[in-house]
Amino acid sequence: MNENVLEMVDIVKIFPGVVANDRVNFSLKAGEIHALLGENGAGKTTLMNILYGIYKMDSGVIKVDGRAVSIRSPRDAIKLGIGMVHQNFKLVPAHTVVENIILGSENNGFILDLKKSSEKIKNLASSFGLKVDPFSEVWKLSMGERQRVEILKLLYRNVRIMIFDEPTAVLTPQEKKELFSSLKEMSSKGKSIIFITHKLDEVLEISDRVTVLRRGKNVATKITKETNKFELANLMIGRPIIFEYSKNPPKLSGLALKVENVRVLDEEGNLRLKDVSFSLSGGEIVGVAGIAGNGQRELAEAITGLRHVSSGKVFVRGKDLTNASPRRFFENGVLFIPEERLGVGTAPNLSVAENLVLKSYDNSPFSNSVFLKFDAIQKFAEMLVKDFEILCPSVKVPVKFLSGGNLQKVVLARELGNLVSRDVNVIVAMYPTRGLDVGATEYVRRLLLKMRDQGNAIIFFSEDLEEILSISDRIFVMFDGRIVGEMDSSKADVEKIGLMMAGSIAS
């Protein structure tokens, strides 16, 4: 393997009440794909934000090609040949591919030559297997194609150290395969890649080395071919992980949710759900696969009272709740884990404790109908923080200061923490494990299976086919506002599901 092109030595970053990076060391070699692993709050994103100039480290040294450098902004990082592909793409949808790629580039002259730029982009795309039309408008592209545009932006700027943050989260299996092929091609031509992911199988498939962080500290750096996912999981969270989930045969307990020919419009009046019909029984889990933006959010909101149904019916245990309020859905036993954690899932300025009782603060033991009982609220919150392994300095801290993964755990804890004492009928979960580390993901999946065995009806939306296949009894595939496929999980074909997710075939 080649010499180090990057060294991060004794990096320290402290936020109020939290040591995010505690003398962390990380190195990257030329032509290497180096995976970065760690549970939520371990310091992975903070470390990469320091490298990309978003955060300023409190102490430590960054060396590029053996020379100590100062990185005060992303502009400084790019000048040093360091770039980042964020999980949420930074593109202007109304502009073309070539316009997005050259936007902000210092290589542009006083007069833009789009034809010359497009030729350079075509050559780069051809060299690295990143097929995309330079003159296509970004809003017309699939998520995989948009990701290629982000990669081409970095290649156009001659970036040689590339950071990828959860790059497969929005991709179909086919797009993931194409991405990995491109990453390997880039590494073979001297590009150095840092690959952040929660998916251990991806680490083993794509990386040359892997570094594990736990609670802000280095745990280990391993040559990937000399380790396995059981060792890596143990290093991440300090205990063994179960990857295979044994499922009892479903014991159906009657119709819990029925959706009949539901149509939903978006804010601009466009039809987003197109005559969707299905039923869900107690005692089963249905996983909904699909690339984000194909009606999943609208469907979840329609069956929880958050979005108006323009036509069709929604029944919960035989009761017509079409266009009822979210409160009525909740009172009838429908719980919702929303896609958007901050703002929808939580109230940013309220504390962890206050967010954990948002739906039950007016009931005993948290209230006597007049006053809140803060001691009871704090005790309950501390119990959930422990059970769901939420990393926070105190339950009195506002949730806006938590990491994305820990914010998701707050939502999960609030919605699912009371299940043992509640008669819950239907649980609607939008990406319940997105952003969670392997230990928390295992916990959530096992909890969903436990709730299913207790007779609850669960419908969850995910872009992770491994997750859908491992815990679902039935699988729906959504594309363009329709359910285009339905199958038993035991007979599911991953390749076929991927094609349906991309709209290539229907069942």
Foldseek 3Di string as FASTA:
>chain_A
DADWQKWWFQWWADDVLATQAGGAIDTWGWLFEEEEAAFFSLNPVVVVCCLQQNDPTPDTFMDGPNHTDHRNHNVSNLVSQEEEQEPDHDADQQAFLLCRLCVPAPVADPDGDSVVSQVVLVVVCVQQVLDDRRGHGNNPDAPLNSSSSRVSSSVSSVRQEYEYAQPCFQAFPVSVVSVLSSSSSSSVVTRIYYYYHQDQVVCLVRGQKYWYGYSNYTQDIGGSVVDGPQVRQCSRPVDGFDDADDADPFDFDDWFKWWFQWWFADPVRHIQAGGATDTWTFLFEEEEAARPPNNPQVVLCQQQLNGATPDTFMDGRNHTCHNPHNLVSVVSQEFEQHPDLDPVLADQQFFLLCSLCVPPCCDPPQDPNPDGDVVVSQVLSVVLCVVLVQDDSGSRHGCNPGDPQSSLSSSCCSRPVCVVVDDHAEYEYEASCVSGHSVSVSVVLVSVSVSSNVGHIYYYYGNDVSSSLRRGQKYFYGGNNYGQEIDGSVPDDSVVSSCVNVVNHGD
